Amino acid sequence: MTMRKCVNSLLVAAALAFTAGCGESESAKPAEKPAAPAKTPLVQTKQAADWCKEHGVPESICTRCNDSLVAGFKAKGDWCKEHGLPESQCFACHPELEAKFKASMPAGADK
């Protein structure tokens, strides 16, 4: 009898485990739409926290305030020889950049 009780207990446990798994399977659920990729901001938030009011770019990438950054921009090929600053910050050659940087400026940074 003891063996029979063990077998019955195992069968009940197996049945419970099986029925607990019943229901809608993961593959039967409708697939969630992937989130639209976030647009990468021109200026990362952590960089914008130190905005250079004088030059209209983040202080962390302002070569006019920190000339030690110049070599890095030149090494990447991001340099405007005519105006002596990164091409990616040259508003004279790329006036559209000024509007993009202004749009990235944190609230109150211009005060």
C-alpha atoms as a PDB file:
ATOM      1  CA  MET A   1       0.000   0.000   0.000  1.00  0.00           C
ATOM      2  CA  THR A   2       2.786   2.399   0.801  1.00  0.00           C
ATOM      3  CA  MET A   3       4.248   1.954  -2.664  1.00  0.00           C
ATOM      4  CA  ARG A   4       0.819   2.584  -4.146  1.00  0.00           C
ATOM      5  CA  LYS A   5       0.439   5.831  -2.157  1.00  0.00           C
ATOM      6  CA  CYS A   6       3.847   7.013  -3.398  1.00  0.00           C
ATOM      7  CA  VAL A   7       2.924   6.265  -6.998  1.00  0.00           C
ATOM      8  CA  ASN A   8      -0.441   8.023  -6.585  1.00  0.00           C
ATOM      9  CA  SER A   9       1.250  11.030  -5.005  1.00  0.00           C
ATOM     10  CA  LEU A  10       3.722  11.225  -7.863  1.00  0.00           C
ATOM     11  CA  LEU A  11       0.933  10.961 -10.415  1.00  0.00           C
ATOM     12  CA  VAL A  12      -1.034  13.719  -8.701  1.00  0.00           C
ATOM     13  CA  ALA A  13       2.077  15.920  -8.536  1.00  0.00           C
ATOM     14  CA  ALA A  14       2.827  15.275 -12.208  1.00  0.00           C
ATOM     15  CA  ALA A  15      -0.777  16.037 -13.154  1.00  0.00           C
ATOM     16  CA  LEU A  16      -0.682  19.293 -11.197  1.00  0.00           C
ATOM     17  CA  ALA A  17       2.592  20.311 -12.782  1.00  0.00           C
ATOM     18  CA  PHE A  18       1.239  19.500 -16.221  1.00  0.00           C
ATOM     19  CA  THR A  19      -2.034  21.392 -15.746  1.00  0.00           C
ATOM     20  CA  ALA A  20      -0.259  24.350 -14.186  1.00  0.00           C
ATOM     21  CA  GLY A  21       1.629  24.720 -17.434  1.00  0.00           C
ATOM     22  CA  CYS A  22      -1.538  24.559 -19.491  1.00  0.00           C
ATOM     23  CA  GLY A  23      -2.996  27.703 -20.808  1.00  0.00           C
ATOM     24  CA  GLU A  24      -1.770  30.119 -23.364  1.00  0.00           C
ATOM     25  CA  SER A  25       1.757  29.307 -24.431  1.00  0.00           C
ATOM     26  CA  GLU A  26       4.318  31.993 -25.059  1.00  0.00           C
ATOM     27  CA  SER A  27       4.223  31.292 -28.785  1.00  0.00           C
ATOM     28  CA  ALA A  28       0.433  31.635 -28.861  1.00  0.00           C
ATOM     29  CA  LYS A  29       0.560  35.148 -27.429  1.00  0.00           C
ATOM     30  CA  PRO A  30       0.505  37.935 -29.982  1.00  0.00           C
ATOM     31  CA  ALA A  31       3.952  39.307 -30.595  1.00  0.00           C
ATOM     32  CA  GLU A  32       4.589  42.701 -29.112  1.00  0.00           C
ATOM     33  CA  LYS A  33       5.657  45.363 -31.550  1.00  0.00           C
ATOM     34  CA  PRO A  34       9.269  46.334 -31.041  1.00  0.00           C
ATOM     35  CA  ALA A  35       9.708  49.820 -29.698  1.00  0.00           C
ATOM     36  CA  ALA A  36      10.686  52.395 -32.243  1.00  0.00           C
ATOM     37  CA  PRO A  37      14.378  53.143 -32.001  1.00  0.00           C
ATOM     38  CA  ALA A  38      14.987  56.255 -29.963  1.00  0.00           C
ATOM     39  CA  LYS A  39      16.477  59.126 -31.861  1.00  0.00           C
ATOM     40  CA  THR A  40      19.939  59.811 -30.624  1.00  0.00           C
ATOM     41  CA  PRO A  41      20.150  63.394 -29.452  1.00  0.00           C
ATOM     42  CA  LEU A  42      22.836  65.573 -30.941  1.00  0.00           C
ATOM     43  CA  VAL A  43      24.110  66.252 -27.435  1.00  0.00           C
ATOM     44  CA  GLN A  44      23.940  63.601 -24.743  1.00  0.00           C
ATOM     45  CA  THR A  45      22.220  64.688 -21.521  1.00  0.00           C
ATOM     46  CA  LYS A  46      25.309  64.215 -19.380  1.00  0.00           C
ATOM     47  CA  GLN A  47      27.240  66.488 -21.744  1.00  0.00           C
ATOM     48  CA  ALA A  48      24.530  69.135 -21.840  1.00  0.00           C
ATOM     49  CA  ALA A  49      24.700  69.618 -18.070  1.00  0.00           C
ATOM     50  CA  ASP A  50      27.826  71.725 -18.551  1.00  0.00           C
ATOM     51  CA  TRP A  51      26.654  73.982 -21.361  1.00  0.00           C
ATOM     52  CA  CYS A  52      29.054  76.616 -22.702  1.00  0.00           C
ATOM     53  CA  LYS A  53      26.907  79.751 -22.922  1.00  0.00           C
ATOM     54  CA  GLU A  54      29.547  81.704 -24.804  1.00  0.00           C
ATOM     55  CA  HIS A  55      29.953  79.208 -27.678  1.00  0.00           C
ATOM     56  CA  GLY A  56      26.584  77.411 -27.767  1.00  0.00           C
ATOM     57  CA  VAL A  57      27.912  73.864 -27.309  1.00  0.00           C
ATOM     58  CA  PRO A  58      28.399  71.623 -24.276  1.00  0.00           C
ATOM     59  CA  GLU A  59      31.409  72.672 -22.229  1.00  0.00           C
ATOM     60  CA  SER A  60      32.617  69.056 -22.361  1.00  0.00           C
ATOM     61  CA  ILE A  61      33.180  69.327 -26.136  1.00  0.00           C
ATOM     62  CA  CYS A  62      33.993  73.047 -26.412  1.00  0.00           C
ATOM     63  CA  THR A  63      37.465  73.270 -27.943  1.00  0.00           C
ATOM     64  CA  ARG A  64      37.508  77.054 -27.591  1.00  0.00           C
ATOM     65  CA  CYS A  65      37.263  76.711 -23.804  1.00  0.00           C
ATOM     66  CA  ASN A  66      39.359  73.538 -23.519  1.00  0.00           C
ATOM     67  CA  ASP A  67      42.103  73.384 -26.145  1.00  0.00           C
ATOM     68  CA  SER A  68      43.203  69.938 -24.905  1.00  0.00           C
ATOM     69  CA  LEU A  69      40.192  68.551 -26.827  1.00  0.00           C
ATOM     70  CA  VAL A  70      41.508  69.804 -30.190  1.00  0.00           C
ATOM     71  CA  ALA A  71      43.834  66.841 -30.840  1.00  0.00           C
ATOM     72  CA  GLY A  72      40.996  64.355 -30.372  1.00  0.00           C
ATOM     73  CA  PHE A  73      38.762  66.123 -32.902  1.00  0.00           C
ATOM     74  CA  LYS A  74      41.639  66.427 -35.373  1.00  0.00           C
ATOM     75  CA  ALA A  75      42.474  62.725 -34.955  1.00  0.00           C
ATOM     76  CA  LYS A  76      38.892  61.852 -35.884  1.00  0.00           C
ATOM     77  CA  GLY A  77      39.065  64.080 -38.975  1.00  0.00           C
ATOM     78  CA  ASP A  78      36.487  66.420 -37.422  1.00  0.00           C
ATOM     79  CA  TRP A  79      38.261  69.718 -37.891  1.00  0.00           C
ATOM     80  CA  CYS A  80      37.540  72.919 -39.820  1.00  0.00           C
ATOM     81  CA  LYS A  81      40.938  74.412 -40.682  1.00  0.00           C
ATOM     82  CA  GLU A  82      39.388  77.640 -41.907  1.00  0.00           C
ATOM     83  CA  HIS A  83      37.637  78.440 -38.613  1.00  0.00           C
ATOM     84  CA  GLY A  84      39.847  76.525 -36.154  1.00  0.00           C
ATOM     85  CA  LEU A  85      37.199  74.387 -34.501  1.00  0.00           C
ATOM     86  CA  PRO A  86      35.545  71.010 -34.995  1.00  0.00           C
ATOM     87  CA  GLU A  87      33.613  70.716 -38.247  1.00  0.00           C
ATOM     88  CA  SER A  88      30.774  69.249 -36.162  1.00  0.00           C
ATOM     89  CA  GLN A  89      30.608  72.593 -34.294  1.00  0.00           C
ATOM     90  CA  CYS A  90      31.376  74.997 -37.139  1.00  0.00           C
ATOM     91  CA  PHE A  91      28.289  77.166 -37.427  1.00  0.00           C
ATOM     92  CA  ALA A  92      29.949  79.259 -40.167  1.00  0.00           C
ATOM     93  CA  CYS A  93      30.284  76.232 -42.489  1.00  0.00           C
ATOM     94  CA  HIS A  94      27.182  74.440 -41.222  1.00  0.00           C
ATOM     95  CA  PRO A  95      24.597  77.013 -40.045  1.00  0.00           C
ATOM     96  CA  GLU A  96      22.039  74.218 -39.526  1.00  0.00           C
ATOM     97  CA  LEU A  97      24.158  72.912 -36.636  1.00  0.00           C
ATOM     98  CA  GLU A  98      23.510  76.031 -34.574  1.00  0.00           C
ATOM     99  CA  ALA A  99      19.757  75.309 -34.524  1.00  0.00           C
ATOM    100  CA  LYS A 100      20.411  71.664 -33.599  1.00  0.00           C
ATOM    101  CA  PHE A 101      22.677  72.633 -30.720  1.00  0.00           C
ATOM    102  CA  LYS A 102      20.174  75.250 -29.514  1.00  0.00           C
ATOM    103  CA  ALA A 103      17.457  72.588 -29.581  1.00  0.00           C
ATOM    104  CA  SER A 104      19.712  70.375 -27.418  1.00  0.00           C
ATOM    105  CA  MET A 105      20.445  73.141 -24.918  1.00  0.00           C
ATOM    106  CA  PRO A 106      19.054  72.340 -21.464  1.00  0.00           C
ATOM    107  CA  ALA A 107      16.426  74.688 -20.068  1.00  0.00           C
ATOM    108  CA  GLY A 108      17.966  77.666 -18.344  1.00  0.00           C
ATOM    109  CA  ALA A 109      21.442  77.095 -19.794  1.00  0.00           C
ATOM    110  CA  ASP A 110      21.323  80.367 -21.712  1.00  0.00           C
ATOM    111  CA  LYS A 111      20.890  82.453 -18.564  1.00  0.00           C
END
